[in-house]
Structures are given as C-alpha cells and as structure tokens.
Amino acid sequence: MPKIVDHDQRRAELVDATWRIIARHGLDGATLREVAAEAGFANGALKPYFPTKADLIQAAFGHVFGRTNRRVAEATGGLAGLAALRAFACEVLPLDDERLAEARAVMPFWQMAVNDPRMLSANDEAMERWRSDMLRWLAEAAAAGELRAGLDAGSAAEGLLTFLLGAQVVAVLDPGHNGPDALVAQLDSHLGMLRAV
C-alpha cells in the first residue's frame, strides 16, 4: 500500500525549514538541497510544492509574517490604544532569539523585493495590514485622550513602521547598540512623542 502524504504538512515543513536556513546562513545558503535536507526529505521533494526558489522564498516570508501576526494577535488581545500599539511593536521588534532569527530571514526577502514585483506586492500586502492595525489603535488612543493634540495619525503610523523595520536591520547588523533593552527604550521614546502631556 502506498504511503499517504499530507501535502499541506509537507509544504509547511519545507517552508519552516527554509526560513530557519535563511536565518542561519542567508539566502545563498537556502539551496533546494539544503532545504530538503533540513526538512528531512529527499532532494527532489520541493519541486511539486515550489517550482522555483522564488516561490519558496515568498512562502517563507509569508510564514514568518504569519508567525509574527499570531504573536501580535495574542499580545494585543483585550488591549486598545497605545497599550495595544506598544504590545504590537514589542512582537515585531527582535527582542529575543526567535524574533532576531525572523529579522535575519526577512532581510534577504526585502533585498529580493527591490527587483521582483511579486515579492514587492507580498511585502506591500503585509505592511498594509500593519498600517491598518496601527491606525485603528491610534484612533482608539485619540478617542481615549492618550494622544497629543494635533497629532497626524498617518504620519505617526508611518514613523513607527519605519522604526520597526529599521530596528530589524540594526538589531542584526549593530546589536551592540541595538540589543533588546536598547530597542525597548527606543520604542518607548518613540511612543512618548505621541502621548498627550
């Protein structure tokens, strides 16, 4: 009797292996052979699921983004306004080994997105979701009187997003000045500029 293969599970295992390899060895290290070996499959196991390396990298980005969003949903549950915004930011910031590995995996994806419209579209979709959440929390904060008068919520959301994405880079490239404690202090400084006096 032939072995029954759970294709969804195999696809998920391959994607999970891919982001782990990228986090450890960069994009060049994520060869199809290495991904198959990491996942415990034969070399040709990827082709039925990911015809090209670009397909695999895009799936890995979606996987990492999904991991972050699951943490965000859990951390922000029951929160509103600036408390929810801070909890969200703390899940995006690379404050532990897991989130730092995610940052290391996302950086090569951004490099690909510069020249690949499909990758850029995936990134845009991810960022629009975060913008929407941030604007909702900022609207809640404004309604609760937490924000300083005259604050432009759109600019505030973009500024926070720029900080969070930049923090991914500096935590990887300059960890001596941008470790977890420093990043949290920077976040609180950023949020402090939004608060009502």
N, C-alpha and C. Protein backbone atom coordinates (compact mmCIF):
# COMPACT_ATOMS: atom_id res chain seq x y z
N MET A 1 0.85 -1.18 0.00
CA MET A 1 0.00 0.00 0.00
C MET A 1 0.89 1.25 0.00
N PRO A 2 0.65 2.20 -0.91
CA PRO A 2 1.50 3.39 -0.96
C PRO A 2 1.33 4.27 0.28
N LYS A 3 2.43 4.94 0.65
CA LYS A 3 2.40 5.83 1.80
C LYS A 3 1.54 7.05 1.49
N ILE A 4 0.67 7.40 2.43
CA ILE A 4 -0.18 8.58 2.26
C ILE A 4 0.59 9.81 2.72
N VAL A 5 0.68 10.80 1.84
CA VAL A 5 1.44 12.01 2.14
C VAL A 5 0.47 13.14 2.44
N ASP A 6 0.69 13.80 3.57
CA ASP A 6 -0.09 15.00 3.91
C ASP A 6 0.62 16.18 3.23
N HIS A 7 0.09 16.59 2.09
CA HIS A 7 0.77 17.61 1.28
C HIS A 7 0.83 18.96 1.98
N ASP A 8 -0.21 19.32 2.71
CA ASP A 8 -0.17 20.60 3.44
C ASP A 8 0.90 20.58 4.51
N GLN A 9 1.01 19.45 5.21
CA GLN A 9 2.03 19.35 6.25
C GLN A 9 3.43 19.38 5.64
N ARG A 10 3.63 18.67 4.53
CA ARG A 10 4.95 18.66 3.90
C ARG A 10 5.32 20.06 3.42
N ARG A 11 4.38 20.75 2.82
CA ARG A 11 4.63 22.12 2.37
C ARG A 11 5.04 23.00 3.56
N ALA A 12 4.31 22.88 4.66
CA ALA A 12 4.62 23.67 5.85
C ALA A 12 6.00 23.33 6.40
N GLU A 13 6.36 22.07 6.39
CA GLU A 13 7.68 21.66 6.87
C GLU A 13 8.79 22.22 6.00
N LEU A 14 8.58 22.25 4.71
CA LEU A 14 9.58 22.80 3.79
C LEU A 14 9.74 24.31 3.99
N VAL A 15 8.63 25.00 4.17
CA VAL A 15 8.68 26.44 4.40
C VAL A 15 9.36 26.75 5.73
N ASP A 16 9.02 25.98 6.75
CA ASP A 16 9.63 26.19 8.06
C ASP A 16 11.14 25.96 7.99
N ALA A 17 11.55 24.93 7.28
CA ALA A 17 12.98 24.66 7.10
C ALA A 17 13.66 25.79 6.35
N THR A 18 12.99 26.35 5.38
CA THR A 18 13.57 27.42 4.56
C THR A 18 13.89 28.65 5.38
N TRP A 19 12.95 29.12 6.18
CA TRP A 19 13.22 30.34 6.93
C TRP A 19 14.30 30.12 7.97
N ARG A 20 14.36 28.92 8.56
CA ARG A 20 15.42 28.62 9.53
C ARG A 20 16.80 28.66 8.87
N ILE A 21 16.91 28.10 7.66
CA ILE A 21 18.20 28.11 6.95
C ILE A 21 18.58 29.53 6.56
N ILE A 22 17.62 30.31 6.07
CA ILE A 22 17.91 31.70 5.70
C ILE A 22 18.38 32.48 6.93
N ALA A 23 17.75 32.25 8.07
CA ALA A 23 18.14 32.95 9.29
C ALA A 23 19.57 32.59 9.70
N ARG A 24 19.96 31.34 9.48
CA ARG A 24 21.31 30.90 9.88
C ARG A 24 22.38 31.22 8.85
N HIS A 25 22.05 31.03 7.55
CA HIS A 25 23.08 31.06 6.50
C HIS A 25 22.81 32.06 5.38
N GLY A 26 21.72 32.81 5.46
CA GLY A 26 21.41 33.77 4.41
C GLY A 26 20.72 33.10 3.23
N LEU A 27 20.34 33.93 2.29
CA LEU A 27 19.59 33.46 1.13
C LEU A 27 20.40 32.48 0.29
N ASP A 28 21.69 32.74 0.12
CA ASP A 28 22.52 31.83 -0.69
C ASP A 28 22.62 30.44 -0.07
N GLY A 29 22.51 30.38 1.24
CA GLY A 29 22.59 29.08 1.92
C GLY A 29 21.33 28.26 1.78
N ALA A 30 20.25 28.88 1.36
CA ALA A 30 18.97 28.19 1.25
C ALA A 30 18.83 27.54 -0.12
N THR A 31 19.73 26.62 -0.43
CA THR A 31 19.60 25.88 -1.68
C THR A 31 18.48 24.87 -1.53
N LEU A 32 17.94 24.44 -2.65
CA LEU A 32 16.86 23.45 -2.59
C LEU A 32 17.35 22.18 -1.91
N ARG A 33 18.60 21.80 -2.14
CA ARG A 33 19.17 20.61 -1.50
C ARG A 33 19.22 20.78 0.02
N GLU A 34 19.68 21.98 0.48
CA GLU A 34 19.78 22.22 1.91
C GLU A 34 18.40 22.26 2.58
N VAL A 35 17.45 22.86 1.90
CA VAL A 35 16.09 22.92 2.46
C VAL A 35 15.51 21.52 2.60
N ALA A 36 15.67 20.70 1.58
CA ALA A 36 15.17 19.33 1.64
C ALA A 36 15.83 18.57 2.78
N ALA A 37 17.15 18.73 2.92
CA ALA A 37 17.87 18.03 3.99
C ALA A 37 17.40 18.50 5.37
N GLU A 38 17.24 19.82 5.53
CA GLU A 38 16.78 20.38 6.81
C GLU A 38 15.41 19.84 7.20
N ALA A 39 14.56 19.67 6.19
CA ALA A 39 13.20 19.17 6.45
C ALA A 39 13.15 17.64 6.55
N GLY A 40 14.26 16.99 6.20
CA GLY A 40 14.31 15.54 6.30
C GLY A 40 13.72 14.82 5.10
N PHE A 41 13.76 15.46 3.92
CA PHE A 41 13.19 14.87 2.71
C PHE A 41 14.26 14.67 1.65
N ALA A 42 13.92 13.91 0.64
CA ALA A 42 14.83 13.70 -0.49
C ALA A 42 14.98 15.00 -1.27
N ASN A 43 16.06 15.10 -2.02
CA ASN A 43 16.40 16.31 -2.73
C ASN A 43 15.29 16.81 -3.65
N GLY A 44 14.57 15.93 -4.31
CA GLY A 44 13.54 16.35 -5.25
C GLY A 44 12.20 16.66 -4.62
N ALA A 45 12.13 16.65 -3.30
CA ALA A 45 10.84 16.81 -2.61
C ALA A 45 10.21 18.19 -2.79
N LEU A 46 11.03 19.20 -3.11
CA LEU A 46 10.48 20.55 -3.18
C LEU A 46 9.74 20.85 -4.46
N LYS A 47 10.17 20.28 -5.56
CA LYS A 47 9.64 20.66 -6.88
C LYS A 47 8.12 20.59 -6.99
N PRO A 48 7.47 19.56 -6.45
CA PRO A 48 6.00 19.53 -6.57
C PRO A 48 5.30 20.66 -5.81
N TYR A 49 5.98 21.20 -4.81
CA TYR A 49 5.37 22.22 -3.95
C TYR A 49 5.81 23.63 -4.31
N PHE A 50 7.08 23.76 -4.71
CA PHE A 50 7.66 25.06 -5.02
C PHE A 50 8.48 24.92 -6.30
N PRO A 51 7.89 25.23 -7.44
CA PRO A 51 8.60 25.05 -8.71
C PRO A 51 9.88 25.86 -8.82
N THR A 52 9.93 27.03 -8.14
CA THR A 52 11.13 27.86 -8.21
C THR A 52 11.56 28.25 -6.79
N LYS A 53 12.80 28.67 -6.69
CA LYS A 53 13.30 29.14 -5.39
C LYS A 53 12.54 30.39 -4.97
N ALA A 54 12.18 31.24 -5.93
CA ALA A 54 11.42 32.45 -5.60
C ALA A 54 10.09 32.10 -4.95
N ASP A 55 9.43 31.04 -5.43
CA ASP A 55 8.17 30.60 -4.81
C ASP A 55 8.40 30.20 -3.36
N LEU A 56 9.49 29.50 -3.13
CA LEU A 56 9.82 29.04 -1.78
C LEU A 56 10.14 30.21 -0.86
N ILE A 57 10.90 31.18 -1.36
CA ILE A 57 11.26 32.35 -0.55
C ILE A 57 10.02 33.16 -0.21
N GLN A 58 9.12 33.33 -1.17
CA GLN A 58 7.90 34.08 -0.89
C GLN A 58 7.06 33.37 0.15
N ALA A 59 6.99 32.05 0.07
CA ALA A 59 6.23 31.29 1.07
C ALA A 59 6.88 31.41 2.44
N ALA A 60 8.21 31.43 2.48
CA ALA A 60 8.91 31.56 3.76
C ALA A 60 8.63 32.93 4.38
N PHE A 61 8.62 33.99 3.55
CA PHE A 61 8.28 35.32 4.07
C PHE A 61 6.87 35.32 4.65
N GLY A 62 5.92 34.74 3.92
CA GLY A 62 4.55 34.67 4.41
C GLY A 62 4.47 33.91 5.73
N HIS A 63 5.28 32.87 5.84
CA HIS A 63 5.31 32.07 7.07
C HIS A 63 5.82 32.90 8.25
N VAL A 64 6.92 33.61 8.04
CA VAL A 64 7.49 34.43 9.11
C VAL A 64 6.52 35.54 9.50
N PHE A 65 5.92 36.17 8.50
CA PHE A 65 4.95 37.22 8.78
C PHE A 65 3.76 36.66 9.56
N GLY A 66 3.32 35.46 9.18
CA GLY A 66 2.23 34.81 9.90
C GLY A 66 2.58 34.51 11.35
N ARG A 67 3.82 34.07 11.59
CA ARG A 67 4.26 33.81 12.97
C ARG A 67 4.17 35.09 13.79
N THR A 68 4.66 36.19 13.22
CA THR A 68 4.62 37.47 13.92
C THR A 68 3.18 37.87 14.19
N ASN A 69 2.32 37.74 13.21
CA ASN A 69 0.93 38.16 13.39
C ASN A 69 0.18 37.32 14.42
N ARG A 70 0.52 36.04 14.52
CA ARG A 70 -0.11 35.22 15.56
C ARG A 70 0.31 35.71 16.95
N ARG A 71 1.58 36.06 17.10
CA ARG A 71 2.04 36.61 18.39
C ARG A 71 1.36 37.95 18.67
N VAL A 72 1.26 38.79 17.64
CA VAL A 72 0.61 40.10 17.80
C VAL A 72 -0.83 39.92 18.26
N ALA A 73 -1.57 39.02 17.63
CA ALA A 73 -2.97 38.80 18.00
C ALA A 73 -3.09 38.38 19.46
N GLU A 74 -2.19 37.52 19.88
CA GLU A 74 -2.22 37.06 21.28
C GLU A 74 -1.84 38.20 22.23
N ALA A 75 -0.80 38.95 21.88
CA ALA A 75 -0.31 40.01 22.77
C ALA A 75 -1.27 41.19 22.88
N THR A 76 -2.01 41.47 21.80
CA THR A 76 -2.88 42.65 21.81
C THR A 76 -4.33 42.31 22.19
N GLY A 77 -4.62 41.06 22.37
CA GLY A 77 -5.99 40.67 22.74
C GLY A 77 -6.42 41.37 24.02
N GLY A 78 -7.54 42.05 23.97
CA GLY A 78 -8.05 42.75 25.14
C GLY A 78 -7.43 44.13 25.37
N LEU A 79 -6.48 44.53 24.53
CA LEU A 79 -5.85 45.84 24.68
C LEU A 79 -6.40 46.80 23.63
N ALA A 80 -6.22 48.08 23.89
CA ALA A 80 -6.64 49.11 22.93
C ALA A 80 -5.65 50.26 23.00
N GLY A 81 -5.76 51.16 22.03
CA GLY A 81 -4.98 52.40 22.06
C GLY A 81 -3.48 52.16 22.10
N LEU A 82 -2.79 53.01 22.88
CA LEU A 82 -1.33 52.95 22.93
C LEU A 82 -0.82 51.66 23.57
N ALA A 83 -1.59 51.07 24.47
CA ALA A 83 -1.16 49.78 25.06
C ALA A 83 -1.11 48.70 23.98
N ALA A 84 -2.11 48.67 23.11
CA ALA A 84 -2.12 47.69 22.01
C ALA A 84 -1.00 48.00 21.03
N LEU A 85 -0.78 49.27 20.73
CA LEU A 85 0.28 49.66 19.80
C LEU A 85 1.65 49.24 20.34
N ARG A 86 1.88 49.44 21.63
CA ARG A 86 3.16 49.03 22.22
C ARG A 86 3.32 47.52 22.21
N ALA A 87 2.25 46.79 22.54
CA ALA A 87 2.32 45.33 22.54
C ALA A 87 2.62 44.81 21.13
N PHE A 88 1.98 45.40 20.14
CA PHE A 88 2.25 45.06 18.74
C PHE A 88 3.72 45.26 18.42
N ALA A 89 4.23 46.44 18.74
CA ALA A 89 5.61 46.77 18.42
C ALA A 89 6.59 45.82 19.10
N CYS A 90 6.30 45.43 20.32
CA CYS A 90 7.20 44.52 21.04
C CYS A 90 7.23 43.13 20.39
N GLU A 91 6.18 42.75 19.70
CA GLU A 91 6.19 41.46 18.99
C GLU A 91 6.93 41.55 17.67
N VAL A 92 6.97 42.73 17.07
CA VAL A 92 7.69 42.91 15.81
C VAL A 92 9.18 43.09 16.07
N LEU A 93 9.52 43.81 17.11
CA LEU A 93 10.94 44.06 17.41
C LEU A 93 11.68 42.76 17.70
N PRO A 94 12.93 42.66 17.25
CA PRO A 94 13.72 41.44 17.51
C PRO A 94 14.28 41.43 18.93
N LEU A 95 13.43 41.11 19.90
CA LEU A 95 13.79 41.20 21.31
C LEU A 95 14.27 39.88 21.90
N ASP A 96 14.21 38.80 21.14
CA ASP A 96 14.72 37.53 21.62
C ASP A 96 15.29 36.76 20.43
N ASP A 97 15.83 35.59 20.68
CA ASP A 97 16.48 34.82 19.61
C ASP A 97 15.52 34.46 18.49
N GLU A 98 14.29 34.11 18.83
CA GLU A 98 13.30 33.74 17.81
C GLU A 98 12.99 34.91 16.88
N ARG A 99 12.73 36.07 17.47
CA ARG A 99 12.38 37.25 16.66
C ARG A 99 13.59 37.80 15.92
N LEU A 100 14.79 37.61 16.49
CA LEU A 100 16.00 38.01 15.78
C LEU A 100 16.22 37.11 14.56
N ALA A 101 15.95 35.81 14.71
CA ALA A 101 16.05 34.90 13.56
C ALA A 101 15.06 35.29 12.48
N GLU A 102 13.86 35.71 12.87
CA GLU A 102 12.87 36.15 11.90
C GLU A 102 13.38 37.39 11.15
N ALA A 103 14.00 38.32 11.87
CA ALA A 103 14.55 39.51 11.22
C ALA A 103 15.63 39.11 10.22
N ARG A 104 16.48 38.16 10.60
CA ARG A 104 17.53 37.70 9.69
C ARG A 104 16.94 37.03 8.45
N ALA A 105 15.79 36.41 8.60
CA ALA A 105 15.14 35.75 7.46
C ALA A 105 14.42 36.76 6.55
N VAL A 106 13.89 37.83 7.13
CA VAL A 106 13.13 38.81 6.35
C VAL A 106 14.05 39.73 5.54
N MET A 107 15.21 40.03 6.06
CA MET A 107 16.10 40.97 5.37
C MET A 107 16.44 40.52 3.94
N PRO A 108 16.77 39.26 3.69
CA PRO A 108 17.03 38.85 2.30
C PRO A 108 15.79 38.94 1.42
N PHE A 109 14.62 38.73 2.01
CA PHE A 109 13.38 38.87 1.24
C PHE A 109 13.23 40.30 0.75
N TRP A 110 13.53 41.27 1.62
CA TRP A 110 13.44 42.68 1.21
C TRP A 110 14.37 42.95 0.05
N GLN A 111 15.56 42.36 0.09
CA GLN A 111 16.51 42.54 -1.00
C GLN A 111 15.91 42.05 -2.31
N MET A 112 15.23 40.91 -2.28
CA MET A 112 14.60 40.38 -3.49
C MET A 112 13.44 41.27 -3.93
N ALA A 113 12.71 41.82 -2.97
CA ALA A 113 11.53 42.63 -3.29
C ALA A 113 11.89 43.90 -4.04
N VAL A 114 13.12 44.36 -3.89
CA VAL A 114 13.55 45.57 -4.60
C VAL A 114 13.39 45.41 -6.11
N ASN A 115 13.65 44.20 -6.62
CA ASN A 115 13.65 43.97 -8.07
C ASN A 115 12.60 42.98 -8.55
N ASP A 116 11.80 42.44 -7.66
CA ASP A 116 10.82 41.43 -8.04
C ASP A 116 9.42 41.94 -7.67
N PRO A 117 8.61 42.32 -8.66
CA PRO A 117 7.29 42.89 -8.38
C PRO A 117 6.39 41.96 -7.54
N ARG A 118 6.52 40.66 -7.73
CA ARG A 118 5.69 39.73 -6.95
C ARG A 118 6.08 39.76 -5.47
N MET A 119 7.37 39.81 -5.20
CA MET A 119 7.85 39.90 -3.81
C MET A 119 7.47 41.25 -3.21
N LEU A 120 7.60 42.30 -4.01
CA LEU A 120 7.23 43.63 -3.53
C LEU A 120 5.75 43.69 -3.18
N SER A 121 4.92 43.06 -3.99
CA SER A 121 3.49 43.03 -3.73
C SER A 121 3.18 42.29 -2.42
N ALA A 122 3.89 41.19 -2.17
CA ALA A 122 3.70 40.44 -0.92
C ALA A 122 4.10 41.30 0.27
N ASN A 123 5.20 42.04 0.13
CA ASN A 123 5.62 42.93 1.21
C ASN A 123 4.60 44.05 1.42
N ASP A 124 4.12 44.64 0.33
CA ASP A 124 3.14 45.72 0.44
C ASP A 124 1.88 45.24 1.17
N GLU A 125 1.44 44.05 0.83
CA GLU A 125 0.24 43.49 1.48
C GLU A 125 0.47 43.33 2.97
N ALA A 126 1.65 42.84 3.34
CA ALA A 126 1.97 42.66 4.75
C ALA A 126 2.00 44.00 5.48
N MET A 127 2.63 44.99 4.88
CA MET A 127 2.73 46.30 5.53
C MET A 127 1.38 47.00 5.63
N GLU A 128 0.52 46.81 4.63
CA GLU A 128 -0.81 47.42 4.70
C GLU A 128 -1.61 46.86 5.87
N ARG A 129 -1.44 45.60 6.15
CA ARG A 129 -2.13 45.01 7.31
C ARG A 129 -1.66 45.69 8.59
N TRP A 130 -0.35 45.86 8.72
CA TRP A 130 0.18 46.50 9.92
C TRP A 130 -0.26 47.96 9.99
N ARG A 131 -0.25 48.66 8.86
CA ARG A 131 -0.71 50.05 8.87
C ARG A 131 -2.16 50.15 9.35
N SER A 132 -2.98 49.28 8.84
CA SER A 132 -4.40 49.28 9.22
C SER A 132 -4.56 49.07 10.72
N ASP A 133 -3.82 48.12 11.28
CA ASP A 133 -3.89 47.87 12.73
C ASP A 133 -3.39 49.07 13.51
N MET A 134 -2.27 49.64 13.08
CA MET A 134 -1.72 50.80 13.80
C MET A 134 -2.67 51.99 13.77
N LEU A 135 -3.28 52.23 12.62
CA LEU A 135 -4.22 53.34 12.52
C LEU A 135 -5.44 53.11 13.41
N ARG A 136 -5.89 51.88 13.51
CA ARG A 136 -7.02 51.56 14.40
C ARG A 136 -6.66 51.84 15.85
N TRP A 137 -5.47 51.39 16.27
CA TRP A 137 -5.05 51.61 17.66
C TRP A 137 -4.81 53.09 17.93
N LEU A 138 -4.29 53.81 16.94
CA LEU A 138 -4.11 55.25 17.13
C LEU A 138 -5.45 55.97 17.23
N ALA A 139 -6.44 55.52 16.46
CA ALA A 139 -7.78 56.11 16.58
C ALA A 139 -8.36 55.84 17.96
N GLU A 140 -8.15 54.64 18.48
CA GLU A 140 -8.61 54.33 19.84
C GLU A 140 -7.90 55.21 20.86
N ALA A 141 -6.59 55.40 20.66
CA ALA A 141 -5.82 56.24 21.58
C ALA A 141 -6.31 57.68 21.53
N ALA A 142 -6.62 58.17 20.33
CA ALA A 142 -7.13 59.54 20.21
C ALA A 142 -8.47 59.69 20.92
N ALA A 143 -9.34 58.70 20.74
CA ALA A 143 -10.66 58.74 21.37
C ALA A 143 -10.55 58.70 22.90
N ALA A 144 -9.50 58.05 23.40
CA ALA A 144 -9.30 57.94 24.85
C ALA A 144 -8.50 59.11 25.41
N GLY A 145 -8.11 60.07 24.55
CA GLY A 145 -7.35 61.23 25.00
C GLY A 145 -5.88 60.93 25.30
N GLU A 146 -5.37 59.84 24.74
CA GLU A 146 -3.97 59.45 25.00
C GLU A 146 -2.97 60.20 24.13
N LEU A 147 -3.42 60.75 23.00
CA LEU A 147 -2.50 61.34 22.03
C LEU A 147 -2.41 62.85 22.20
N ARG A 148 -1.24 63.38 21.88
CA ARG A 148 -1.08 64.84 21.97
C ARG A 148 -1.94 65.52 20.91
N ALA A 149 -2.34 66.71 21.20
CA ALA A 149 -3.22 67.47 20.31
C ALA A 149 -2.54 67.70 18.96
N GLY A 150 -3.32 67.59 17.90
CA GLY A 150 -2.84 67.88 16.56
C GLY A 150 -1.99 66.79 15.93
N LEU A 151 -1.86 65.65 16.58
CA LEU A 151 -1.04 64.57 16.03
C LEU A 151 -1.66 64.03 14.74
N ASP A 152 -0.85 63.88 13.71
CA ASP A 152 -1.29 63.28 12.45
C ASP A 152 -1.10 61.77 12.57
N ALA A 153 -2.21 61.04 12.64
CA ALA A 153 -2.14 59.59 12.86
C ALA A 153 -1.41 58.88 11.74
N GLY A 154 -1.61 59.31 10.50
CA GLY A 154 -0.93 58.67 9.38
C GLY A 154 0.57 58.80 9.48
N SER A 155 1.05 59.99 9.81
CA SER A 155 2.49 60.20 9.97
C SER A 155 3.03 59.42 11.16
N ALA A 156 2.24 59.37 12.22
CA ALA A 156 2.67 58.62 13.41
C ALA A 156 2.80 57.13 13.09
N ALA A 157 1.84 56.59 12.35
CA ALA A 157 1.90 55.17 11.98
C ALA A 157 3.09 54.90 11.08
N GLU A 158 3.32 55.77 10.10
CA GLU A 158 4.47 55.58 9.20
C GLU A 158 5.79 55.69 9.95
N GLY A 159 5.86 56.64 10.88
CA GLY A 159 7.08 56.79 11.66
C GLY A 159 7.37 55.55 12.50
N LEU A 160 6.33 54.99 13.10
CA LEU A 160 6.51 53.78 13.90
C LEU A 160 6.89 52.61 13.00
N LEU A 161 6.26 52.49 11.85
CA LEU A 161 6.59 51.40 10.94
C LEU A 161 8.04 51.52 10.47
N THR A 162 8.47 52.73 10.15
CA THR A 162 9.85 52.94 9.74
C THR A 162 10.81 52.53 10.85
N PHE A 163 10.49 52.91 12.07
CA PHE A 163 11.32 52.50 13.22
C PHE A 163 11.37 50.98 13.34
N LEU A 164 10.23 50.31 13.25
CA LEU A 164 10.19 48.86 13.44
C LEU A 164 10.98 48.13 12.36
N LEU A 165 10.83 48.56 11.11
CA LEU A 165 11.56 47.90 10.03
C LEU A 165 13.06 48.19 10.14
N GLY A 166 13.41 49.41 10.48
CA GLY A 166 14.82 49.74 10.68
C GLY A 166 15.42 48.97 11.85
N ALA A 167 14.62 48.76 12.88
CA ALA A 167 15.10 48.00 14.04
C ALA A 167 15.46 46.58 13.67
N GLN A 168 14.73 46.00 12.69
CA GLN A 168 15.07 44.66 12.21
C GLN A 168 16.51 44.65 11.69
N VAL A 169 16.85 45.68 10.94
CA VAL A 169 18.17 45.76 10.32
C VAL A 169 19.26 46.00 11.36
N VAL A 170 19.08 47.02 12.20
CA VAL A 170 20.15 47.36 13.14
C VAL A 170 20.33 46.31 14.22
N ALA A 171 19.28 45.58 14.57
CA ALA A 171 19.44 44.52 15.56
C ALA A 171 20.34 43.41 15.03
N VAL A 172 20.28 43.19 13.71
CA VAL A 172 21.14 42.18 13.08
C VAL A 172 22.54 42.73 12.84
N LEU A 173 22.65 43.95 12.32
CA LEU A 173 23.94 44.49 11.90
C LEU A 173 24.70 45.22 13.00
N ASP A 174 24.01 45.76 13.99
CA ASP A 174 24.66 46.57 15.03
C ASP A 174 24.07 46.24 16.40
N PRO A 175 24.15 44.96 16.79
CA PRO A 175 23.49 44.55 18.03
C PRO A 175 24.11 45.15 19.29
N GLY A 176 25.37 45.59 19.22
CA GLY A 176 26.00 46.19 20.39
C GLY A 176 25.28 47.45 20.86
N HIS A 177 24.69 48.18 19.93
CA HIS A 177 23.95 49.40 20.27
C HIS A 177 22.44 49.21 20.16
N ASN A 178 22.01 48.06 19.67
CA ASN A 178 20.58 47.86 19.43
C ASN A 178 20.12 46.49 19.90
N GLY A 179 20.52 46.16 21.11
CA GLY A 179 20.04 44.94 21.75
C GLY A 179 18.61 45.13 22.25
N PRO A 180 18.04 44.12 22.86
CA PRO A 180 16.65 44.20 23.30
C PRO A 180 16.33 45.39 24.20
N ASP A 181 17.17 45.63 25.22
CA ASP A 181 16.88 46.74 26.14
C ASP A 181 16.92 48.09 25.41
N ALA A 182 17.90 48.24 24.53
CA ALA A 182 18.01 49.49 23.78
C ALA A 182 16.82 49.67 22.85
N LEU A 183 16.37 48.60 22.20
CA LEU A 183 15.22 48.71 21.30
C LEU A 183 13.95 49.07 22.04
N VAL A 184 13.75 48.49 23.22
CA VAL A 184 12.56 48.83 24.01
C VAL A 184 12.63 50.28 24.46
N ALA A 185 13.80 50.75 24.85
CA ALA A 185 13.95 52.16 25.24
C ALA A 185 13.66 53.08 24.06
N GLN A 186 14.14 52.70 22.87
CA GLN A 186 13.86 53.49 21.67
C GLN A 186 12.37 53.51 21.36
N LEU A 187 11.73 52.35 21.50
CA LEU A 187 10.28 52.28 21.27
C LEU A 187 9.54 53.20 22.23
N ASP A 188 9.89 53.13 23.52
CA ASP A 188 9.19 53.95 24.50
C ASP A 188 9.43 55.44 24.26
N SER A 189 10.61 55.77 23.78
CA SER A 189 10.87 57.17 23.41
C SER A 189 10.00 57.59 22.26
N HIS A 190 9.89 56.71 21.27
CA HIS A 190 9.05 56.99 20.09
C HIS A 190 7.59 57.17 20.50
N LEU A 191 7.09 56.25 21.31
CA LEU A 191 5.70 56.34 21.75
C LEU A 191 5.48 57.55 22.65
N GLY A 192 6.50 57.90 23.42
CA GLY A 192 6.38 59.07 24.29
C GLY A 192 6.13 60.35 23.53
N MET A 193 6.64 60.43 22.30
CA MET A 193 6.42 61.62 21.47
C MET A 193 4.98 61.71 20.98
N LEU A 194 4.24 60.61 21.08
CA LEU A 194 2.84 60.60 20.64
C LEU A 194 1.87 60.97 21.76
N ARG A 195 2.30 60.79 22.99
CA ARG A 195 1.39 60.90 24.13
C ARG A 195 0.99 62.34 24.44
N ALA A 196 -0.21 62.46 24.95
CA ALA A 196 -0.66 63.74 25.49
C ALA A 196 0.15 64.07 26.71
N VAL A 197 0.47 65.34 26.89
CA VAL A 197 1.27 65.77 28.03
C VAL A 197 0.39 65.87 29.27
